[in-house]
C-alpha atoms as a PDB file:
ATOM      1  CA  MET A   1     -93.504   4.274 -41.197  1.00  0.00           C
ATOM      2  CA  ALA A   2     -92.197   7.909 -40.551  1.00  0.00           C
ATOM      3  CA  GLY A   3     -91.177   7.666 -36.461  1.00  0.00           C
ATOM      4  CA  HIS A   4     -92.707   9.922 -34.152  1.00  0.00           C
ATOM      5  CA  ARG A   5     -90.894  12.908 -33.033  1.00  0.00           C
ATOM      6  CA  SER A   6     -91.314  14.850 -29.674  1.00  0.00           C
ATOM      7  CA  PRO A   7     -92.857  18.252 -29.497  1.00  0.00           C
ATOM      8  CA  ARG A   8     -89.221  19.679 -29.814  1.00  0.00           C
ATOM      9  CA  GLY A   9     -88.988  17.883 -33.394  1.00  0.00           C
ATOM     10  CA  ALA A  10     -86.424  15.393 -32.123  1.00  0.00           C
ATOM     11  CA  ARG A  11     -87.521  11.589 -32.932  1.00  0.00           C
ATOM     12  CA  ALA A  12     -89.236   9.579 -30.141  1.00  0.00           C
ATOM     13  CA  PRO A  13     -86.896   6.466 -29.196  1.00  0.00           C
ATOM     14  CA  ARG A  14     -87.931   3.146 -30.337  1.00  0.00           C
ATOM     15  CA  THR A  15     -89.054   0.563 -27.704  1.00  0.00           C
ATOM     16  CA  ALA A  16     -87.994  -3.187 -27.736  1.00  0.00           C
ATOM     17  CA  GLY A  17     -89.845  -4.813 -30.214  1.00  0.00           C
ATOM     18  CA  THR A  18     -91.297  -2.538 -32.510  1.00  0.00           C
ATOM     19  CA  THR A  19     -88.883  -2.598 -35.197  1.00  0.00           C
ATOM     20  CA  GLY A  20     -88.984  -5.321 -37.718  1.00  0.00           C
ATOM     21  CA  THR A  21     -85.327  -5.694 -37.766  1.00  0.00           C
ATOM     22  CA  GLY A  22     -85.014  -8.936 -35.338  1.00  0.00           C
ATOM     23  CA  ARG A  23     -82.423  -7.281 -33.234  1.00  0.00           C
ATOM     24  CA  HIS A  24     -83.000  -6.800 -29.480  1.00  0.00           C
ATOM     25  CA  GLN A  25     -81.336  -4.302 -27.069  1.00  0.00           C
ATOM     26  CA  ALA A  26     -81.566  -4.914 -23.248  1.00  0.00           C
ATOM     27  CA  ALA A  27     -84.245  -2.539 -21.615  1.00  0.00           C
ATOM     28  CA  HIS A  28     -82.865   0.675 -19.825  1.00  0.00           C
ATOM     29  CA  ARG A  29     -79.079  -0.655 -20.251  1.00  0.00           C
ATOM     30  CA  PRO A  30     -76.895   2.129 -20.117  1.00  0.00           C
ATOM     31  CA  ALA A  31     -74.351   2.472 -22.835  1.00  0.00           C
ATOM     32  CA  ALA A  32     -70.667   2.061 -21.524  1.00  0.00           C
ATOM     33  CA  ALA A  33     -69.079   5.692 -20.977  1.00  0.00           C
ATOM     34  CA  GLY A  34     -65.206   4.703 -21.453  1.00  0.00           C
ATOM     35  CA  PRO A  35     -63.069   1.941 -21.559  1.00  0.00           C
ATOM     36  CA  SER A  36     -64.145  -1.601 -20.713  1.00  0.00           C
ATOM     37  CA  LEU A  37     -63.647  -3.098 -16.929  1.00  0.00           C
ATOM     38  CA  GLY A  38     -61.048  -5.470 -18.641  1.00  0.00           C
ATOM     39  CA  THR A  39     -58.884  -2.430 -20.266  1.00  0.00           C
ATOM     40  CA  THR A  40     -59.270  -0.868 -16.821  1.00  0.00           C
ATOM     41  CA  VAL A  41     -57.984  -3.896 -14.995  1.00  0.00           C
ATOM     42  CA  ILE A  42     -54.516  -4.435 -17.055  1.00  0.00           C
ATOM     43  CA  ALA A  43     -53.757  -0.749 -17.116  1.00  0.00           C
ATOM     44  CA  THR A  44     -54.220  -0.367 -13.537  1.00  0.00           C
ATOM     45  CA  THR A  45     -52.345  -3.841 -13.091  1.00  0.00           C
ATOM     46  CA  ALA A  46     -49.280  -2.551 -15.021  1.00  0.00           C
ATOM     47  CA  ALA A  47     -49.154   0.429 -13.191  1.00  0.00           C
ATOM     48  CA  VAL A  48     -49.397  -0.372  -9.308  1.00  0.00           C
ATOM     49  CA  GLY A  49     -48.592  -4.356  -9.716  1.00  0.00           C
ATOM     50  CA  ALA A  50     -50.380  -7.364  -9.088  1.00  0.00           C
ATOM     51  CA  VAL A  51     -50.407 -10.245  -6.474  1.00  0.00           C
ATOM     52  CA  ALA A  52     -51.786 -13.533  -8.341  1.00  0.00           C
ATOM     53  CA  THR A  53     -53.102 -16.459  -5.808  1.00  0.00           C
ATOM     54  CA  GLY A  54     -54.704 -19.294  -8.126  1.00  0.00           C
ATOM     55  CA  ALA A  55     -57.106 -17.857 -10.466  1.00  0.00           C
ATOM     56  CA  PHE A  56     -57.644 -14.492  -8.766  1.00  0.00           C
ATOM     57  CA  THR A  57     -55.678 -11.323  -9.199  1.00  0.00           C
ATOM     58  CA  ALA A  58     -55.967  -8.358  -6.842  1.00  0.00           C
ATOM     59  CA  ILE A  59     -54.792  -4.802  -7.217  1.00  0.00           C
ATOM     60  CA  VAL A  60     -52.422  -3.664  -4.697  1.00  0.00           C
ATOM     61  CA  PRO A  61     -52.260   0.056  -5.334  1.00  0.00           C
ATOM     62  CA  ALA A  62     -49.405   1.718  -4.194  1.00  0.00           C
ATOM     63  CA  MET A  63     -49.031   4.986  -1.955  1.00  0.00           C
ATOM     64  CA  GLU A  64     -46.984   8.158  -2.690  1.00  0.00           C
ATOM     65  CA  ASP A  65     -44.507   7.387  -0.265  1.00  0.00           C
ATOM     66  CA  GLY A  66     -44.136   3.688  -1.922  1.00  0.00           C
ATOM     67  CA  THR A  67     -45.671   1.540   0.479  1.00  0.00           C
ATOM     68  CA  ALA A  68     -48.439  -1.090  -0.526  1.00  0.00           C
ATOM     69  CA  THR A  69     -52.222  -0.794   1.038  1.00  0.00           C
ATOM     70  CA  THR A  70     -53.884  -3.874   1.855  1.00  0.00           C
ATOM     71  CA  ALA A  71     -56.274  -5.503  -0.955  1.00  0.00           C
ATOM     72  CA  ALA A  72     -60.053  -4.958  -0.681  1.00  0.00           C
ATOM     73  CA  ALA A  73     -61.091  -8.620  -1.639  1.00  0.00           C
ATOM     74  CA  ASP A  74     -63.220 -10.803   0.559  1.00  0.00           C
ATOM     75  CA  GLY A  75     -62.198 -14.028   2.069  1.00  0.00           C
ATOM     76  CA  PRO A  76     -58.613 -15.867   2.716  1.00  0.00           C
ATOM     77  CA  PHE A  77     -56.780 -13.856   0.091  1.00  0.00           C
ATOM     78  CA  ASP A  78     -56.438 -11.356   2.333  1.00  0.00           C
ATOM     79  CA  ALA A  79     -54.428 -12.758   4.886  1.00  0.00           C
ATOM     80  CA  ALA A  80     -52.148 -14.105   2.057  1.00  0.00           C
ATOM     81  CA  LEU A  81     -51.944 -10.680   0.699  1.00  0.00           C
ATOM     82  CA  ALA A  82     -50.995  -9.039   4.065  1.00  0.00           C
ATOM     83  CA  ALA A  83     -48.233 -11.748   4.706  1.00  0.00           C
ATOM     84  CA  ASN A  84     -46.427 -11.148   1.649  1.00  0.00           C
ATOM     85  CA  ASN A  85     -46.852  -7.361   1.736  1.00  0.00           C
ATOM     86  CA  THR A  86     -45.242  -7.270   5.176  1.00  0.00           C
ATOM     87  CA  ALA A  87     -42.368  -9.649   3.971  1.00  0.00           C
ATOM     88  CA  LEU A  88     -41.756  -7.331   1.039  1.00  0.00           C
ATOM     89  CA  ASN A  89     -41.562  -4.322   3.298  1.00  0.00           C
ATOM     90  CA  ALA A  90     -39.263  -6.142   5.535  1.00  0.00           C
ATOM     91  CA  ILE A  91     -36.611  -6.953   2.562  1.00  0.00           C
ATOM     92  CA  ALA A  92     -36.226  -3.567   1.030  1.00  0.00           C
ATOM     93  CA  PRO A  93     -34.268  -2.079   4.311  1.00  0.00           C
ATOM     94  CA  ALA A  94     -31.620  -4.484   4.174  1.00  0.00           C
ATOM     95  CA  ALA A  95     -31.158  -4.013   0.514  1.00  0.00           C
ATOM     96  CA  SER A  96     -30.075  -0.355   1.329  1.00  0.00           C
ATOM     97  CA  LEU A  97     -27.749  -1.662   3.372  1.00  0.00           C
ATOM     98  CA  VAL A  98     -25.540  -3.435   1.221  1.00  0.00           C
ATOM     99  CA  PRO A  99     -23.441  -0.249  -0.025  1.00  0.00           C
ATOM    100  CA  VAL A 100     -22.166   0.400   3.623  1.00  0.00           C
ATOM    101  CA  ALA A 101     -21.614  -2.968   3.931  1.00  0.00           C
ATOM    102  CA  ILE A 102     -19.083  -3.010   1.298  1.00  0.00           C
ATOM    103  CA  ALA A 103     -17.516   0.360   2.047  1.00  0.00           C
ATOM    104  CA  ALA A 104     -16.927  -0.814   5.110  1.00  0.00           C
ATOM    105  CA  GLU A 105     -15.313  -4.032   4.321  1.00  0.00           C
ATOM    106  CA  ALA A 106     -13.164  -2.051   1.470  1.00  0.00           C
ATOM    107  CA  GLU A 107     -12.102   0.388   4.462  1.00  0.00           C
ATOM    108  CA  SER A 108     -10.841  -2.787   6.383  1.00  0.00           C
ATOM    109  CA  VAL A 109      -8.673  -4.120   3.645  1.00  0.00           C
ATOM    110  CA  GLN A 110      -7.047  -1.039   3.568  1.00  0.00           C
ATOM    111  CA  ASP A 111      -6.402  -0.736   7.540  1.00  0.00           C
ATOM    112  CA  HIS A 112      -5.030  -4.307   7.200  1.00  0.00           C
ATOM    113  CA  VAL A 113      -2.747  -3.334   4.424  1.00  0.00           C
ATOM    114  CA  ALA A 114      -1.583  -1.068   6.186  1.00  0.00           C
ATOM    115  CA  ARG A 115      -0.730  -2.546   9.411  1.00  0.00           C
ATOM    116  CA  VAL A 116       1.277  -5.361   7.231  1.00  0.00           C
ATOM    117  CA  VAL A 117       3.518  -2.822   5.855  1.00  0.00           C
ATOM    118  CA  GLN A 118       3.910  -0.834   9.267  1.00  0.00           C
ATOM    119  CA  ALA A 119       5.080  -4.239  10.729  1.00  0.00           C
ATOM    120  CA  ALA A 120       7.131  -5.214   7.908  1.00  0.00           C
ATOM    121  CA  ASP A 121       9.094  -1.789   8.476  1.00  0.00           C
ATOM    122  CA  LEU A 122       9.192  -2.352  12.196  1.00  0.00           C
ATOM    123  CA  ALA A 123      10.909  -5.561  11.639  1.00  0.00           C
ATOM    124  CA  LYS A 124      13.545  -4.565   8.860  1.00  0.00           C
ATOM    125  CA  LEU A 125      14.174  -1.518  11.595  1.00  0.00           C
ATOM    126  CA  HIS A 126      14.675  -3.732  14.443  1.00  0.00           C
ATOM    127  CA  ALA A 127      17.055  -6.339  12.424  1.00  0.00           C
ATOM    128  CA  ASP A 128      18.805  -3.307  11.077  1.00  0.00           C
ATOM    129  CA  GLN A 129      19.467  -2.129  14.563  1.00  0.00           C
ATOM    130  CA  ALA A 130      20.628  -5.463  15.747  1.00  0.00           C
ATOM    131  CA  ARG A 131      23.107  -6.197  13.175  1.00  0.00           C
ATOM    132  CA  GLU A 132      24.317  -2.531  14.005  1.00  0.00           C
ATOM    133  CA  GLN A 133      24.684  -3.472  17.680  1.00  0.00           C
ATOM    134  CA  ALA A 134      26.203  -6.693  16.639  1.00  0.00           C
ATOM    135  CA  GLU A 135      28.965  -5.132  14.360  1.00  0.00           C
ATOM    136  CA  GLN A 136      29.826  -2.292  16.948  1.00  0.00           C
ATOM    137  CA  ALA A 137      30.066  -5.018  20.022  1.00  0.00           C
ATOM    138  CA  ARG A 138      32.646  -6.907  17.218  1.00  0.00           C
ATOM    139  CA  ILE A 139      34.530  -3.733  16.603  1.00  0.00           C
ATOM    140  CA  ASP A 140      34.765  -3.110  20.374  1.00  0.00           C
ATOM    141  CA  GLY A 141      35.658  -6.703  20.911  1.00  0.00           C
ATOM    142  CA  LEU A 142      38.596  -5.978  18.419  1.00  0.00           C
ATOM    143  CA  ILE A 143      39.592  -2.768  20.225  1.00  0.00           C
ATOM    144  CA  ALA A 144      39.678  -4.370  23.374  1.00  0.00           C
ATOM    145  CA  SER A 145      41.916  -7.377  22.648  1.00  0.00           C
ATOM    146  CA  GLY A 146      44.324  -5.066  20.603  1.00  0.00           C
ATOM    147  CA  GLY A 147      46.849  -6.283  18.093  1.00  0.00           C
ATOM    148  CA  LEU A 148      46.614  -5.220  14.442  1.00  0.00           C
ATOM    149  CA  ASP A 149      43.080  -6.035  13.521  1.00  0.00           C
ATOM    150  CA  GLY A 150      42.072  -3.663  16.789  1.00  0.00           C
ATOM    151  CA  TRP A 151      44.317  -0.997  15.783  1.00  0.00           C
ATOM    152  CA  ILE A 152      42.806  -0.816  12.569  1.00  0.00           C
ATOM    153  CA  ALA A 153      39.415  -1.345  13.661  1.00  0.00           C
ATOM    154  CA  GLU A 154      39.908   1.489  16.107  1.00  0.00           C
ATOM    155  CA  ALA A 155      41.829   4.051  13.204  1.00  0.00           C
ATOM    156  CA  LEU A 156      38.699   3.528  11.110  1.00  0.00           C
ATOM    157  CA  LYS A 157      36.252   4.098  14.094  1.00  0.00           C
ATOM    158  CA  ILE A 158      38.115   7.639  14.643  1.00  0.00           C
ATOM    159  CA  LEU A 159      38.208   8.416  10.942  1.00  0.00           C
ATOM    160  CA  ASP A 160      34.175   7.235  10.608  1.00  0.00           C
ATOM    161  CA  LEU A 161      35.030   5.081   7.807  1.00  0.00           C
ATOM    162  CA  PRO A 162      33.536   1.902   7.037  1.00  0.00           C
ATOM    163  CA  GLN A 163      34.977  -1.154   8.325  1.00  0.00           C
ATOM    164  CA  SER A 164      34.947  -3.062   5.448  1.00  0.00           C
ATOM    165  CA  LEU A 165      38.056  -1.046   4.443  1.00  0.00           C
ATOM    166  CA  ALA A 166      39.830  -3.035   6.963  1.00  0.00           C
ATOM    167  CA  PRO A 167      41.160  -6.088   4.800  1.00  0.00           C
ATOM    168  CA  GLY A 168      42.945  -3.348   2.335  1.00  0.00           C
ATOM    169  CA  VAL A 169      44.213  -1.714   5.019  1.00  0.00           C
ATOM    170  CA  LYS A 170      45.603  -4.678   6.624  1.00  0.00           C
ATOM    171  CA  ARG A 171      47.249  -5.651   3.108  1.00  0.00           C
ATOM    172  CA  ILE A 172      49.054  -2.260   3.228  1.00  0.00           C
ATOM    173  CA  ILE A 173      50.474  -2.361   6.588  1.00  0.00           C
ATOM    174  CA  LEU A 174      51.665  -5.920   5.945  1.00  0.00           C
ATOM    175  CA  LYS A 175      53.085  -5.108   2.768  1.00  0.00           C
ATOM    176  CA  GLU A 176      54.723  -2.036   4.468  1.00  0.00           C
ATOM    177  CA  SER A 177      56.228  -3.128   8.260  1.00  0.00           C
ATOM    178  CA  ASN A 178      54.884  -6.608   8.261  1.00  0.00           C
ATOM    179  CA  GLY A 179      52.763  -5.377  11.248  1.00  0.00           C
ATOM    180  CA  ASN A 180      55.193  -4.022  13.460  1.00  0.00           C
ATOM    181  CA  PRO A 181      54.373  -0.827  15.067  1.00  0.00           C
ATOM    182  CA  ARG A 182      57.842   0.301  15.655  1.00  0.00           C
ATOM    183  CA  ALA A 183      59.490  -0.658  12.208  1.00  0.00           C
ATOM    184  CA  VAL A 184      61.823   1.739  10.589  1.00  0.00           C
ATOM    185  CA  ASN A 185      63.271   1.997   7.168  1.00  0.00           C
ATOM    186  CA  THR A 186      66.846   2.424   6.711  1.00  0.00           C
ATOM    187  CA  TRP A 187      67.663   2.055   3.104  1.00  0.00           C
ATOM    188  CA  ASP A 188      64.945   3.692   0.869  1.00  0.00           C
ATOM    189  CA  SER A 189      65.697   6.837  -0.557  1.00  0.00           C
ATOM    190  CA  ASN A 190      63.811   8.560   2.493  1.00  0.00           C
ATOM    191  CA  ALA A 191      66.218   6.963   4.995  1.00  0.00           C
ATOM    192  CA  ARG A 192      69.135   8.554   2.835  1.00  0.00           C
ATOM    193  CA  ARG A 193      67.642  12.226   3.209  1.00  0.00           C
ATOM    194  CA  GLY A 194      67.561  11.319   6.846  1.00  0.00           C
ATOM    195  CA  THR A 195      63.807  11.309   7.294  1.00  0.00           C
ATOM    196  CA  PRO A 196      63.172   7.375   7.263  1.00  0.00           C
ATOM    197  CA  SER A 197      59.702   6.147   7.004  1.00  0.00           C
ATOM    198  CA  GLN A 198      58.271   4.642   9.955  1.00  0.00           C
ATOM    199  CA  GLY A 199      55.427   2.905  11.881  1.00  0.00           C
ATOM    200  CA  LEU A 200      52.779   0.325  10.624  1.00  0.00           C
ATOM    201  CA  MET A 201      52.313   2.039   7.299  1.00  0.00           C
ATOM    202  CA  GLN A 202      55.829   3.782   7.097  1.00  0.00           C
ATOM    203  CA  THR A 203      54.894   7.464   6.975  1.00  0.00           C
ATOM    204  CA  ILE A 204      58.023  10.163   7.141  1.00  0.00           C
ATOM    205  CA  PRO A 205      57.792  12.390  10.000  1.00  0.00           C
ATOM    206  CA  THR A 206      56.229  15.620   7.618  1.00  0.00           C
ATOM    207  CA  THR A 207      53.845  13.089   6.048  1.00  0.00           C
ATOM    208  CA  TYR A 208      52.767  11.779   9.857  1.00  0.00           C
ATOM    209  CA  LYS A 209      52.439  15.634  11.266  1.00  0.00           C
ATOM    210  CA  HIS A 210      49.990  16.680   7.971  1.00  0.00           C
ATOM    211  CA  TYR A 211      47.689  13.691   8.024  1.00  0.00           C
ATOM    212  CA  VAL A 212      47.552  12.090  11.152  1.00  0.00           C
ATOM    213  CA  HIS A 213      43.911  12.784  12.808  1.00  0.00           C
ATOM    214  CA  PRO A 214      43.374  16.058  14.949  1.00  0.00           C
ATOM    215  CA  ASP A 215      42.589  14.207  18.114  1.00  0.00           C
ATOM    216  CA  LEU A 216      45.567  11.684  17.674  1.00  0.00           C
ATOM    217  CA  LYS A 217      48.117  14.635  16.852  1.00  0.00           C
ATOM    218  CA  ASN A 218      49.900  14.654  20.107  1.00  0.00           C
ATOM    219  CA  ARG A 219      50.740  10.840  20.135  1.00  0.00           C
ATOM    220  CA  PRO A 220      54.240   9.512  18.345  1.00  0.00           C
ATOM    221  CA  ILE A 221      54.644   8.460  14.929  1.00  0.00           C
ATOM    222  CA  THR A 222      55.011   4.718  16.189  1.00  0.00           C
ATOM    223  CA  ASP A 223      51.884   4.905  18.044  1.00  0.00           C
ATOM    224  CA  PRO A 224      49.798   2.222  16.254  1.00  0.00           C
ATOM    225  CA  VAL A 225      46.389   3.843  15.902  1.00  0.00           C
ATOM    226  CA  ALA A 226      47.812   7.211  15.216  1.00  0.00           C
ATOM    227  CA  ASN A 227      50.052   6.049  12.508  1.00  0.00           C
ATOM    228  CA  ILE A 228      47.360   4.484  10.609  1.00  0.00           C
ATOM    229  CA  THR A 229      45.191   7.242  10.537  1.00  0.00           C
ATOM    230  CA  ALA A 230      47.479   9.085   8.838  1.00  0.00           C
ATOM    231  CA  GLY A 231      48.623   6.550   6.208  1.00  0.00           C
ATOM    232  CA  ILE A 232      45.101   6.042   5.640  1.00  0.00           C
ATOM    233  CA  ARG A 233      44.312   9.842   4.947  1.00  0.00           C
ATOM    234  CA  TYR A 234      47.346  10.196   3.051  1.00  0.00           C
ATOM    235  CA  MET A 235      46.380   7.194   0.766  1.00  0.00           C
ATOM    236  CA  ILE A 236      42.987   8.703   0.030  1.00  0.00           C
ATOM    237  CA  GLU A 237      44.085  11.985  -0.667  1.00  0.00           C
ATOM    238  CA  ASN A 238      46.912  11.312  -3.248  1.00  0.00           C
ATOM    239  CA  TYR A 239      45.229   7.596  -4.680  1.00  0.00           C
ATOM    240  CA  GLY A 240      41.432   7.342  -3.993  1.00  0.00           C
ATOM    241  CA  MET A 241      39.436   5.261  -1.670  1.00  0.00           C
ATOM    242  CA  SER A 242      39.433   2.718  -4.225  1.00  0.00           C
ATOM    243  CA  THR A 243      43.069   2.120  -4.078  1.00  0.00           C
ATOM    244  CA  LEU A 244      43.161   1.969  -0.610  1.00  0.00           C
ATOM    245  CA  GLN A 245      39.905  -0.628  -0.524  1.00  0.00           C
ATOM    246  CA  ALA A 246      42.121  -2.456  -2.927  1.00  0.00           C
ATOM    247  CA  GLY A 247      44.989  -2.922  -0.664  1.00  0.00           C
ATOM    248  CA  GLY A 248      47.509  -0.374  -2.240  1.00  0.00           C
ATOM    249  CA  ARG A 249      48.876   0.055  -5.834  1.00  0.00           C
ATOM    250  CA  THR A 250      49.967  -2.757  -7.954  1.00  0.00           C
ATOM    251  CA  ASN A 251      52.180  -3.065 -11.263  1.00  0.00           C
ATOM    252  CA  SER A 252      51.033  -4.641 -14.312  1.00  0.00           C
ATOM    253  CA  ALA A 253      52.338  -8.031 -13.041  1.00  0.00           C
ATOM    254  CA  GLY A 254      49.941  -7.390  -9.910  1.00  0.00           C
ATOM    255  CA  ASN A 255      52.793  -7.165  -7.641  1.00  0.00           C
ATOM    256  CA  TYR A 256      52.411  -4.543  -4.426  1.00  0.00           C
ATOM    257  CA  VAL A 257      53.946  -1.043  -5.061  1.00  0.00           C
ATOM    258  CA  GLY A 258      54.631   1.075  -2.243  1.00  0.00           C
ATOM    259  CA  TYR A 259      52.992   4.295  -1.629  1.00  0.00           C
END
């Protein structure tokens, strides 16, 4: 049987029970216009996050500034959700402070290392100063006591040479004059020419006048300190510092050779 059409020519809608197909539709139920409720819930949950309590899941939408709103649900879930939301908000600021704490700790380590290095440098400086003071006191004591060691120490101090040269200078003096500041050589070639070697380091008068330290030039050739300065300066200029440090020249057999 043909269906009925409306005055405008459209087919009239069928009512429930008028067909013989056995299919039934709910009366006046509108058809779904978009995605189902389940699909909407899943998509929204993925977008803004969900809080689950038991079998109930509540959607907690997020605002544009990143804060979460209270779930619109009835019952005891509201209090639990609010508590969780407060706890999460309280955790977030603390996490942002971690880089600052690490940077402060790193800076503190650098400062500590700098202080350790500075303390080590100061300790070394103080130790060096203490050694210098002790050495100066020793030299002053030698000079004050006089004698051969004192004269050598004073001569090296006047020449601004290291006291480590003292053993070499002493060896030369002992070989040349046996430590006698008034010793005079009467038998060598210089003596035969009328210019005998004199003093601790056995210098002839012309050599003494040329090499004696200028501050001591008015002292006689037999002055212990002045004579040593002349002999040292002559030795360094003609044979080098190493020869002076070694205690004078030696032959192939290792015996002392005068200069």
